[in-house]
Amino acid sequence: MNNPKKILLAAFLMLFSAQNATALVNFSETKKEREITAAGFPDYPPFGYGITQIDQDNKKQAVRRQYLFQELLDDFAKENNANVIYLDHLTDYNGIIRDVRSGNIDVLLGMYHDTKLYSGLDYVLPAPISNPITLMTLPGLRNEIKSLEDVKKLKGAIWEKEILSDFVTEQMKDYDVIKIKDPNELFKKLFTKEIDYVFTGYYTGLIEASKLGLRNYVVFSKQIIWDIPVFIGVSKVSEDRKFLIGRLGKYLERQDVQEKFKKRLLNVIHQFEIMNNSVTPPMYTK
């Protein structure tokens, strides 16, 4: 007859071994992180911009891309056992969009709804922020512009790097607007009165004026002309598509996340103002 104590001990050891095996499997599963790639606007502050840094390895200057959504996405990743790799060396925005469309990049950090440029991409609801398009003018002209009908009588400009939704692009055909690539040239035309106003994203206009030391010399329209929601985009062929659309969408709905992101936006703008606080404004002449 078998010893009852030996039978009980054997059963206990088998149970203990099974539990440890399960624990090891669960532990390895929890340690495995999702790896998500992301990129966005390469030169459209505050949504995406370059910061010049010194590379300590070869002692040369290098431009590192910063993205407005970066902190938000990093916090989301920490809560959901994921790791985000930012492809900050990319500078061709159209190429970035193609890579997201093909699945080479999982996440696009900034896109507009119902705009042909972003066809073939999914977007995460809700939009974390809007891009308010305003008029930037010299102080003496602001009170003379009382409606958009007044604007149609004037001559304006817009930066080439301003990226707009298809709806806004269509609306702008009603206005006499030229595109200008160089911010310095754009401000020169404004201050020499070759143009009367600039259509600009409010945040972008603030930053570009600050970079040239002109923040206190220009004003913005009291009303927003167009308010364009800016979404986080996701590749339709990404392995993490359902995860991102579902769980990131829920994350963006949280009040604490929205409040923290607003502080992030204000902080980025404030940093630009501080960095350029001592810049001497250019003296423009015709």
C-alpha atoms as a PDB file:
ATOM      1  CA  MET A   1       0.000   0.000   0.000  1.00  0.00           C
ATOM      2  CA  ASN A   2       1.408   3.490  -0.969  1.00  0.00           C
ATOM      3  CA  ASN A   3       2.416   5.953   1.726  1.00  0.00           C
ATOM      4  CA  PRO A   4      -0.276   8.709   1.898  1.00  0.00           C
ATOM      5  CA  LYS A   5       2.338  11.304   2.847  1.00  0.00           C
ATOM      6  CA  LYS A   6       4.438  10.509  -0.250  1.00  0.00           C
ATOM      7  CA  ILE A   7       1.363  10.717  -2.497  1.00  0.00           C
ATOM      8  CA  LEU A   8       0.423  14.114  -1.015  1.00  0.00           C
ATOM      9  CA  LEU A   9       3.983  15.425  -1.397  1.00  0.00           C
ATOM     10  CA  ALA A  10       4.156  14.323  -5.045  1.00  0.00           C
ATOM     11  CA  ALA A  11       0.840  16.007  -5.821  1.00  0.00           C
ATOM     12  CA  PHE A  12       2.004  19.222  -4.162  1.00  0.00           C
ATOM     13  CA  LEU A  13       5.254  19.240  -6.143  1.00  0.00           C
ATOM     14  CA  MET A  14       3.377  18.721  -9.423  1.00  0.00           C
ATOM     15  CA  LEU A  15       1.005  21.585  -8.614  1.00  0.00           C
ATOM     16  CA  PHE A  16       3.876  23.863  -7.623  1.00  0.00           C
ATOM     17  CA  SER A  17       5.759  23.090 -10.847  1.00  0.00           C
ATOM     18  CA  ALA A  18       2.655  23.769 -12.969  1.00  0.00           C
ATOM     19  CA  GLN A  19       2.048  27.087 -11.237  1.00  0.00           C
ATOM     20  CA  ASN A  20       5.664  28.138 -11.760  1.00  0.00           C
ATOM     21  CA  ALA A  21       5.495  27.183 -15.430  1.00  0.00           C
ATOM     22  CA  THR A  22       2.345  29.299 -15.844  1.00  0.00           C
ATOM     23  CA  ALA A  23       3.981  32.180 -13.992  1.00  0.00           C
ATOM     24  CA  LEU A  24       6.990  32.024 -16.311  1.00  0.00           C
ATOM     25  CA  VAL A  25       4.759  32.107 -19.404  1.00  0.00           C
ATOM     26  CA  ASN A  26       2.740  35.039 -18.073  1.00  0.00           C
ATOM     27  CA  PHE A  27       5.897  36.863 -17.056  1.00  0.00           C
ATOM     28  CA  SER A  28       7.434  36.529 -20.511  1.00  0.00           C
ATOM     29  CA  GLU A  29       4.197  37.738 -22.108  1.00  0.00           C
ATOM     30  CA  THR A  30       4.005  40.858 -19.930  1.00  0.00           C
ATOM     31  CA  LYS A  31       7.639  41.708 -20.674  1.00  0.00           C
ATOM     32  CA  LYS A  32       7.095  41.691 -24.436  1.00  0.00           C
ATOM     33  CA  GLU A  33       6.521  45.253 -25.650  1.00  0.00           C
ATOM     34  CA  ARG A  34       4.737  46.409 -28.749  1.00  0.00           C
ATOM     35  CA  GLU A  35       7.072  48.363 -30.995  1.00  0.00           C
ATOM     36  CA  ILE A  36       5.425  51.269 -32.787  1.00  0.00           C
ATOM     37  CA  THR A  37       7.077  53.577 -35.329  1.00  0.00           C
ATOM     38  CA  ALA A  38       5.963  57.185 -35.695  1.00  0.00           C
ATOM     39  CA  ALA A  39       6.789  60.358 -37.642  1.00  0.00           C
ATOM     40  CA  GLY A  40       5.061  63.626 -38.496  1.00  0.00           C
ATOM     41  CA  PHE A  41       5.435  67.188 -39.751  1.00  0.00           C
ATOM     42  CA  PRO A  42       9.198  67.778 -40.169  1.00  0.00           C
ATOM     43  CA  ASP A  43       8.997  71.593 -40.275  1.00  0.00           C
ATOM     44  CA  TYR A  44       5.669  72.925 -39.082  1.00  0.00           C
ATOM     45  CA  PRO A  45       6.006  74.178 -35.513  1.00  0.00           C
ATOM     46  CA  PRO A  46       4.620  73.453 -33.003  1.00  0.00           C
ATOM     47  CA  PHE A  47       3.382  70.183 -34.580  1.00  0.00           C
ATOM     48  CA  GLY A  48       6.853  69.196 -35.778  1.00  0.00           C
ATOM     49  CA  TYR A  49      10.162  71.058 -35.864  1.00  0.00           C
ATOM     50  CA  GLY A  50      13.916  70.599 -35.762  1.00  0.00           C
ATOM     51  CA  ILE A  51      16.172  71.352 -32.810  1.00  0.00           C
ATOM     52  CA  THR A  52      19.900  71.743 -33.517  1.00  0.00           C
ATOM     53  CA  GLN A  53      22.016  69.727 -31.082  1.00  0.00           C
ATOM     54  CA  ILE A  54      25.694  68.820 -30.782  1.00  0.00           C
ATOM     55  CA  ASP A  55      26.386  65.156 -31.511  1.00  0.00           C
ATOM     56  CA  GLN A  56      28.802  64.182 -28.719  1.00  0.00           C
ATOM     57  CA  ASP A  57      30.252  61.277 -30.713  1.00  0.00           C
ATOM     58  CA  ASN A  58      31.582  63.235 -33.698  1.00  0.00           C
ATOM     59  CA  LYS A  59      31.255  66.752 -32.219  1.00  0.00           C
ATOM     60  CA  LYS A  60      29.119  67.912 -35.135  1.00  0.00           C
ATOM     61  CA  GLN A  61      25.768  69.639 -35.167  1.00  0.00           C
ATOM     62  CA  ALA A  62      22.741  67.470 -35.821  1.00  0.00           C
ATOM     63  CA  VAL A  63      19.080  68.380 -36.241  1.00  0.00           C
ATOM     64  CA  ARG A  64      16.706  66.310 -34.112  1.00  0.00           C
ATOM     65  CA  ARG A  65      12.997  66.362 -34.849  1.00  0.00           C
ATOM     66  CA  GLN A  66      10.559  67.094 -32.054  1.00  0.00           C
ATOM     67  CA  TYR A  67       6.838  66.374 -32.298  1.00  0.00           C
ATOM     68  CA  LEU A  68       4.011  68.003 -30.381  1.00  0.00           C
ATOM     69  CA  PHE A  69       2.304  64.619 -29.895  1.00  0.00           C
ATOM     70  CA  GLN A  70       5.516  62.939 -28.695  1.00  0.00           C
ATOM     71  CA  GLU A  71       4.984  63.262 -24.938  1.00  0.00           C
ATOM     72  CA  LEU A  72       1.340  62.227 -25.265  1.00  0.00           C
ATOM     73  CA  LEU A  73       2.234  59.116 -27.254  1.00  0.00           C
ATOM     74  CA  ASP A  74       5.069  58.201 -24.880  1.00  0.00           C
ATOM     75  CA  ASP A  75       2.731  58.390 -21.868  1.00  0.00           C
ATOM     76  CA  PHE A  76       0.186  56.225 -23.686  1.00  0.00           C
ATOM     77  CA  ALA A  77       2.905  53.699 -24.541  1.00  0.00           C
ATOM     78  CA  LYS A  78       4.041  53.431 -20.911  1.00  0.00           C
ATOM     79  CA  GLU A  79       0.505  52.651 -19.788  1.00  0.00           C
ATOM     80  CA  ASN A  80       0.045  50.016 -22.498  1.00  0.00           C
ATOM     81  CA  ASN A  81       3.338  48.146 -22.500  1.00  0.00           C
ATOM     82  CA  ALA A  82       4.558  49.611 -25.769  1.00  0.00           C
ATOM     83  CA  ASN A  83       7.612  51.417 -27.078  1.00  0.00           C
ATOM     84  CA  VAL A  84       7.515  54.213 -29.663  1.00  0.00           C
ATOM     85  CA  ILE A  85      10.388  54.730 -32.107  1.00  0.00           C
ATOM     86  CA  TYR A  86      10.356  58.230 -33.627  1.00  0.00           C
ATOM     87  CA  LEU A  87      11.824  58.424 -37.118  1.00  0.00           C
ATOM     88  CA  ASP A  88      13.148  61.921 -36.559  1.00  0.00           C
ATOM     89  CA  HIS A  89      15.634  61.867 -39.456  1.00  0.00           C
ATOM     90  CA  LEU A  90      12.879  62.035 -42.103  1.00  0.00           C
ATOM     91  CA  THR A  91      12.313  65.419 -43.743  1.00  0.00           C
ATOM     92  CA  ASP A  92      10.097  64.617 -46.751  1.00  0.00           C
ATOM     93  CA  TYR A  93       6.534  64.970 -45.455  1.00  0.00           C
ATOM     94  CA  ASN A  94       4.936  63.439 -48.549  1.00  0.00           C
ATOM     95  CA  GLY A  95       7.377  60.548 -48.277  1.00  0.00           C
ATOM     96  CA  ILE A  96       6.428  60.061 -44.618  1.00  0.00           C
ATOM     97  CA  ILE A  97       2.753  59.844 -45.587  1.00  0.00           C
ATOM     98  CA  ARG A  98       3.576  57.257 -48.275  1.00  0.00           C
ATOM     99  CA  ASP A  99       5.479  55.191 -45.705  1.00  0.00           C
ATOM    100  CA  VAL A 100       2.496  55.285 -43.331  1.00  0.00           C
ATOM    101  CA  ARG A 101       0.160  54.290 -46.156  1.00  0.00           C
ATOM    102  CA  SER A 102       2.387  51.318 -47.058  1.00  0.00           C
ATOM    103  CA  GLY A 103       2.828  50.218 -43.433  1.00  0.00           C
ATOM    104  CA  ASN A 104       6.521  51.088 -43.100  1.00  0.00           C
ATOM    105  CA  ILE A 105       5.457  53.583 -40.397  1.00  0.00           C
ATOM    106  CA  ASP A 106       2.618  52.831 -37.979  1.00  0.00           C
ATOM    107  CA  VAL A 107       1.606  56.314 -36.815  1.00  0.00           C
ATOM    108  CA  LEU A 108       1.381  59.734 -38.471  1.00  0.00           C
ATOM    109  CA  LEU A 109       1.655  62.523 -35.895  1.00  0.00           C
ATOM    110  CA  GLY A 110      -0.810  64.979 -37.389  1.00  0.00           C
ATOM    111  CA  MET A 111      -3.319  64.754 -40.249  1.00  0.00           C
ATOM    112  CA  TYR A 112      -6.615  66.266 -41.411  1.00  0.00           C
ATOM    113  CA  HIS A 113      -9.910  64.505 -42.023  1.00  0.00           C
ATOM    114  CA  ASP A 114     -11.485  64.379 -45.478  1.00  0.00           C
ATOM    115  CA  THR A 115      -8.315  65.558 -47.220  1.00  0.00           C
ATOM    116  CA  LYS A 116      -6.943  63.835 -50.317  1.00  0.00           C
ATOM    117  CA  LEU A 117      -3.345  64.021 -49.096  1.00  0.00           C
ATOM    118  CA  TYR A 118      -4.215  61.503 -46.369  1.00  0.00           C
ATOM    119  CA  SER A 119      -6.310  59.088 -48.423  1.00  0.00           C
ATOM    120  CA  GLY A 120      -5.757  55.479 -47.408  1.00  0.00           C
ATOM    121  CA  LEU A 121      -5.036  56.296 -43.755  1.00  0.00           C
ATOM    122  CA  ASP A 122      -7.166  55.798 -40.652  1.00  0.00           C
ATOM    123  CA  TYR A 123      -7.422  58.459 -37.986  1.00  0.00           C
ATOM    124  CA  VAL A 124      -7.886  58.174 -34.245  1.00  0.00           C
ATOM    125  CA  LEU A 125     -10.867  59.892 -32.614  1.00  0.00           C
ATOM    126  CA  PRO A 126     -10.988  62.362 -30.954  1.00  0.00           C
ATOM    127  CA  ALA A 127      -8.554  64.924 -32.393  1.00  0.00           C
ATOM    128  CA  PRO A 128      -6.187  66.045 -29.598  1.00  0.00           C
ATOM    129  CA  ILE A 129      -5.969  69.594 -30.979  1.00  0.00           C
ATOM    130  CA  SER A 130      -7.165  71.965 -33.713  1.00  0.00           C
ATOM    131  CA  ASN A 131      -5.084  74.170 -35.966  1.00  0.00           C
ATOM    132  CA  PRO A 132      -6.783  77.603 -35.849  1.00  0.00           C
ATOM    133  CA  ILE A 133      -6.152  79.559 -39.058  1.00  0.00           C
ATOM    134  CA  THR A 134      -6.099  83.311 -38.421  1.00  0.00           C
ATOM    135  CA  LEU A 135      -5.032  86.569 -40.019  1.00  0.00           C
ATOM    136  CA  MET A 136      -1.709  88.083 -38.995  1.00  0.00           C
ATOM    137  CA  THR A 137      -1.413  91.797 -39.745  1.00  0.00           C
ATOM    138  CA  LEU A 138       0.328  94.963 -38.641  1.00  0.00           C
ATOM    139  CA  PRO A 139      -1.440  96.591 -35.650  1.00  0.00           C
ATOM    140  CA  GLY A 140      -2.835  99.510 -37.643  1.00  0.00           C
ATOM    141  CA  LEU A 141      -4.835  97.325 -40.008  1.00  0.00           C
ATOM    142  CA  ARG A 142      -6.598  95.004 -37.572  1.00  0.00           C
ATOM    143  CA  ASN A 143      -9.451  97.380 -36.738  1.00  0.00           C
ATOM    144  CA  GLU A 144     -10.078  98.035 -40.421  1.00  0.00           C
ATOM    145  CA  ILE A 145     -10.828  94.366 -41.071  1.00  0.00           C
ATOM    146  CA  LYS A 146     -14.324  93.734 -39.741  1.00  0.00           C
ATOM    147  CA  SER A 147     -15.379  90.790 -41.910  1.00  0.00           C
ATOM    148  CA  LEU A 148     -14.082  88.313 -44.452  1.00  0.00           C
ATOM    149  CA  GLU A 149     -15.587  90.483 -47.169  1.00  0.00           C
ATOM    150  CA  ASP A 150     -13.060  93.164 -46.162  1.00  0.00           C
ATOM    151  CA  VAL A 151     -10.272  90.604 -46.482  1.00  0.00           C
ATOM    152  CA  LYS A 152     -11.267  89.815 -50.074  1.00  0.00           C
ATOM    153  CA  LYS A 153     -10.421  93.419 -51.016  1.00  0.00           C
ATOM    154  CA  LEU A 154      -6.872  93.095 -49.669  1.00  0.00           C
ATOM    155  CA  LYS A 155      -3.715  91.294 -50.761  1.00  0.00           C
ATOM    156  CA  GLY A 156      -2.429  88.451 -48.593  1.00  0.00           C
ATOM    157  CA  ALA A 157       0.160  85.721 -48.365  1.00  0.00           C
ATOM    158  CA  ILE A 158       0.696  82.318 -46.801  1.00  0.00           C
ATOM    159  CA  TRP A 159       3.753  80.229 -45.996  1.00  0.00           C
ATOM    160  CA  GLU A 160       4.379  77.371 -48.400  1.00  0.00           C
ATOM    161  CA  LYS A 161       4.831  75.070 -45.409  1.00  0.00           C
ATOM    162  CA  GLU A 162       1.295  75.725 -44.141  1.00  0.00           C
ATOM    163  CA  ILE A 163      -0.543  72.431 -44.572  1.00  0.00           C
ATOM    164  CA  LEU A 164      -4.309  72.862 -44.825  1.00  0.00           C
ATOM    165  CA  SER A 165      -7.358  70.667 -45.199  1.00  0.00           C
ATOM    166  CA  ASP A 166      -8.992  70.395 -48.626  1.00  0.00           C
ATOM    167  CA  PHE A 167     -11.980  72.402 -47.368  1.00  0.00           C
ATOM    168  CA  VAL A 168      -9.813  75.354 -46.295  1.00  0.00           C
ATOM    169  CA  THR A 169      -7.746  75.159 -49.485  1.00  0.00           C
ATOM    170  CA  GLU A 170     -10.938  75.428 -51.515  1.00  0.00           C
ATOM    171  CA  GLN A 171     -12.193  78.360 -49.435  1.00  0.00           C
ATOM    172  CA  MET A 172      -8.936  80.259 -49.939  1.00  0.00           C
ATOM    173  CA  LYS A 173      -9.531  80.468 -53.684  1.00  0.00           C
ATOM    174  CA  ASP A 174     -11.834  83.406 -52.923  1.00  0.00           C
ATOM    175  CA  TYR A 175      -8.886  85.463 -51.650  1.00  0.00           C
ATOM    176  CA  ASP A 176      -5.919  87.179 -53.302  1.00  0.00           C
ATOM    177  CA  VAL A 177      -3.165  85.129 -51.651  1.00  0.00           C
ATOM    178  CA  ILE A 178       0.375  84.341 -52.767  1.00  0.00           C
ATOM    179  CA  LYS A 179       2.601  81.581 -51.371  1.00  0.00           C
ATOM    180  CA  ILE A 180       5.996  82.508 -49.913  1.00  0.00           C
ATOM    181  CA  LYS A 181       8.631  79.968 -48.891  1.00  0.00           C
ATOM    182  CA  ASP A 182      10.969  82.005 -46.690  1.00  0.00           C
ATOM    183  CA  PRO A 183       9.524  83.430 -43.433  1.00  0.00           C
ATOM    184  CA  ASN A 184      11.894  86.391 -43.546  1.00  0.00           C
ATOM    185  CA  GLU A 185      10.683  87.293 -47.045  1.00  0.00           C
ATOM    186  CA  LEU A 186       7.079  86.950 -45.931  1.00  0.00           C
ATOM    187  CA  PHE A 187       7.539  89.336 -43.001  1.00  0.00           C
ATOM    188  CA  LYS A 188       9.438  91.746 -45.243  1.00  0.00           C
ATOM    189  CA  LYS A 189       6.472  91.949 -47.611  1.00  0.00           C
ATOM    190  CA  LEU A 190       4.139  92.485 -44.646  1.00  0.00           C
ATOM    191  CA  PHE A 191       6.207  95.262 -43.059  1.00  0.00           C
ATOM    192  CA  THR A 192       6.857  97.037 -46.362  1.00  0.00           C
ATOM    193  CA  LYS A 193       3.106  96.749 -47.075  1.00  0.00           C
ATOM    194  CA  GLU A 194       3.476  94.784 -50.274  1.00  0.00           C
ATOM    195  CA  ILE A 195       0.872  92.534 -48.664  1.00  0.00           C
ATOM    196  CA  ASP A 196      -1.779  93.425 -46.100  1.00  0.00           C
ATOM    197  CA  TYR A 197      -2.061  90.212 -44.118  1.00  0.00           C
ATOM    198  CA  VAL A 198      -0.897  86.635 -43.714  1.00  0.00           C
ATOM    199  CA  PHE A 199      -3.148  83.575 -43.454  1.00  0.00           C
ATOM    200  CA  THR A 200      -1.429  81.459 -40.824  1.00  0.00           C
ATOM    201  CA  GLY A 201      -1.981  78.816 -38.222  1.00  0.00           C
ATOM    202  CA  TYR A 202      -2.146  80.817 -34.985  1.00  0.00           C
ATOM    203  CA  TYR A 203       0.491  78.737 -33.184  1.00  0.00           C
ATOM    204  CA  THR A 204       2.795  78.662 -36.204  1.00  0.00           C
ATOM    205  CA  GLY A 205       2.462  82.419 -36.694  1.00  0.00           C
ATOM    206  CA  LEU A 206       3.338  83.073 -33.058  1.00  0.00           C
ATOM    207  CA  ILE A 207       6.449  80.909 -33.278  1.00  0.00           C
ATOM    208  CA  GLU A 208       7.700  82.254 -36.619  1.00  0.00           C
ATOM    209  CA  ALA A 209       7.234  85.854 -35.440  1.00  0.00           C
ATOM    210  CA  SER A 210       9.115  85.013 -32.217  1.00  0.00           C
ATOM    211  CA  LYS A 211      12.019  83.466 -34.143  1.00  0.00           C
ATOM    212  CA  LEU A 212      12.584  86.783 -35.933  1.00  0.00           C
ATOM    213  CA  GLY A 213      12.030  88.949 -32.858  1.00  0.00           C
ATOM    214  CA  LEU A 214       8.778  90.307 -34.302  1.00  0.00           C
ATOM    215  CA  ARG A 215       6.223  88.891 -31.849  1.00  0.00           C
ATOM    216  CA  ASN A 216       5.413  92.328 -30.387  1.00  0.00           C
ATOM    217  CA  TYR A 217       5.101  93.970 -33.799  1.00  0.00           C
ATOM    218  CA  VAL A 218       2.290  91.900 -35.306  1.00  0.00           C
ATOM    219  CA  VAL A 219      -1.288  91.141 -34.231  1.00  0.00           C
ATOM    220  CA  PHE A 220      -3.729  88.347 -34.946  1.00  0.00           C
ATOM    221  CA  SER A 221      -7.393  88.535 -35.859  1.00  0.00           C
ATOM    222  CA  LYS A 222      -9.767  88.356 -32.903  1.00  0.00           C
ATOM    223  CA  GLN A 223     -11.752  85.593 -34.573  1.00  0.00           C
ATOM    224  CA  ILE A 224     -10.568  82.264 -35.941  1.00  0.00           C
ATOM    225  CA  ILE A 225     -11.135  82.076 -39.703  1.00  0.00           C
ATOM    226  CA  TRP A 226     -11.036  78.275 -39.970  1.00  0.00           C
ATOM    227  CA  ASP A 227     -10.478  75.753 -37.185  1.00  0.00           C
ATOM    228  CA  ILE A 228      -9.009  72.494 -38.507  1.00  0.00           C
ATOM    229  CA  PRO A 229      -9.008  69.423 -36.210  1.00  0.00           C
ATOM    230  CA  VAL A 230      -5.596  67.715 -36.190  1.00  0.00           C
ATOM    231  CA  PHE A 231      -5.786  63.940 -35.746  1.00  0.00           C
ATOM    232  CA  ILE A 232      -3.269  61.203 -35.091  1.00  0.00           C
ATOM    233  CA  GLY A 233      -3.191  58.951 -38.153  1.00  0.00           C
ATOM    234  CA  VAL A 234      -2.694  55.185 -38.323  1.00  0.00           C
ATOM    235  CA  SER A 235      -1.640  52.958 -41.208  1.00  0.00           C
ATOM    236  CA  LYS A 236      -4.451  50.673 -42.383  1.00  0.00           C
ATOM    237  CA  VAL A 237      -1.942  47.830 -42.795  1.00  0.00           C
ATOM    238  CA  SER A 238      -0.195  48.282 -39.437  1.00  0.00           C
ATOM    239  CA  GLU A 239      -0.181  45.172 -37.233  1.00  0.00           C
ATOM    240  CA  ASP A 240      -1.177  47.445 -34.344  1.00  0.00           C
ATOM    241  CA  ARG A 241      -4.010  49.232 -36.178  1.00  0.00           C
ATOM    242  CA  LYS A 242      -6.882  47.932 -34.012  1.00  0.00           C
ATOM    243  CA  PHE A 243      -4.884  48.448 -30.826  1.00  0.00           C
ATOM    244  CA  LEU A 244      -4.064  52.057 -31.716  1.00  0.00           C
ATOM    245  CA  ILE A 245      -7.490  53.079 -32.992  1.00  0.00           C
ATOM    246  CA  GLY A 246      -9.302  51.476 -30.062  1.00  0.00           C
ATOM    247  CA  ARG A 247      -7.080  51.948 -27.053  1.00  0.00           C
ATOM    248  CA  LEU A 248      -5.426  55.230 -28.092  1.00  0.00           C
ATOM    249  CA  GLY A 249      -8.873  56.638 -28.869  1.00  0.00           C
ATOM    250  CA  LYS A 250     -10.044  55.807 -25.339  1.00  0.00           C
ATOM    251  CA  TYR A 251      -6.868  57.347 -23.948  1.00  0.00           C
ATOM    252  CA  LEU A 252      -7.435  60.621 -25.808  1.00  0.00           C
ATOM    253  CA  GLU A 253     -10.931  60.933 -24.310  1.00  0.00           C
ATOM    254  CA  ARG A 254      -9.555  61.213 -20.785  1.00  0.00           C
ATOM    255  CA  GLN A 255      -9.794  64.646 -19.156  1.00  0.00           C
ATOM    256  CA  ASP A 256      -6.392  64.355 -17.469  1.00  0.00           C
ATOM    257  CA  VAL A 257      -4.745  63.506 -20.791  1.00  0.00           C
ATOM    258  CA  GLN A 258      -6.370  66.504 -22.496  1.00  0.00           C
ATOM    259  CA  GLU A 259      -5.286  68.872 -19.721  1.00  0.00           C
ATOM    260  CA  LYS A 260      -1.707  67.623 -19.801  1.00  0.00           C
ATOM    261  CA  PHE A 261      -1.581  67.991 -23.577  1.00  0.00           C
ATOM    262  CA  LYS A 262      -2.770  71.621 -23.387  1.00  0.00           C
ATOM    263  CA  LYS A 263       0.087  72.342 -20.977  1.00  0.00           C
ATOM    264  CA  ARG A 264       2.481  70.655 -23.408  1.00  0.00           C
ATOM    265  CA  LEU A 265       1.314  72.932 -26.238  1.00  0.00           C
ATOM    266  CA  LEU A 266       1.713  76.095 -24.151  1.00  0.00           C
ATOM    267  CA  ASN A 267       5.129  74.942 -22.964  1.00  0.00           C
ATOM    268  CA  VAL A 268       6.412  74.372 -26.512  1.00  0.00           C
ATOM    269  CA  ILE A 269       5.276  77.856 -27.601  1.00  0.00           C
ATOM    270  CA  HIS A 270       6.776  79.376 -24.449  1.00  0.00           C
ATOM    271  CA  GLN A 271      10.099  77.657 -25.122  1.00  0.00           C
ATOM    272  CA  PHE A 272      10.261  79.239 -28.577  1.00  0.00           C
ATOM    273  CA  GLU A 273       9.518  82.650 -27.069  1.00  0.00           C
ATOM    274  CA  ILE A 274      12.273  82.243 -24.470  1.00  0.00           C
ATOM    275  CA  MET A 275      14.833  80.965 -27.007  1.00  0.00           C
ATOM    276  CA  ASN A 276      14.244  84.002 -29.231  1.00  0.00           C
ATOM    277  CA  ASN A 277      13.641  86.623 -26.551  1.00  0.00           C
ATOM    278  CA  SER A 278      16.904  88.448 -27.311  1.00  0.00           C
ATOM    279  CA  VAL A 279      16.652  88.354 -31.116  1.00  0.00           C
ATOM    280  CA  THR A 280      16.977  91.790 -32.691  1.00  0.00           C
ATOM    281  CA  PRO A 281      14.132  92.408 -35.169  1.00  0.00           C
ATOM    282  CA  PRO A 282      15.225  92.996 -38.789  1.00  0.00           C
ATOM    283  CA  MET A 283      14.829  96.456 -40.321  1.00  0.00           C
ATOM    284  CA  TYR A 284      12.795  95.972 -43.461  1.00  0.00           C
ATOM    285  CA  THR A 285      12.988  98.397 -46.382  1.00  0.00           C
ATOM    286  CA  LYS A 286      11.640  98.151 -49.896  1.00  0.00           C
END
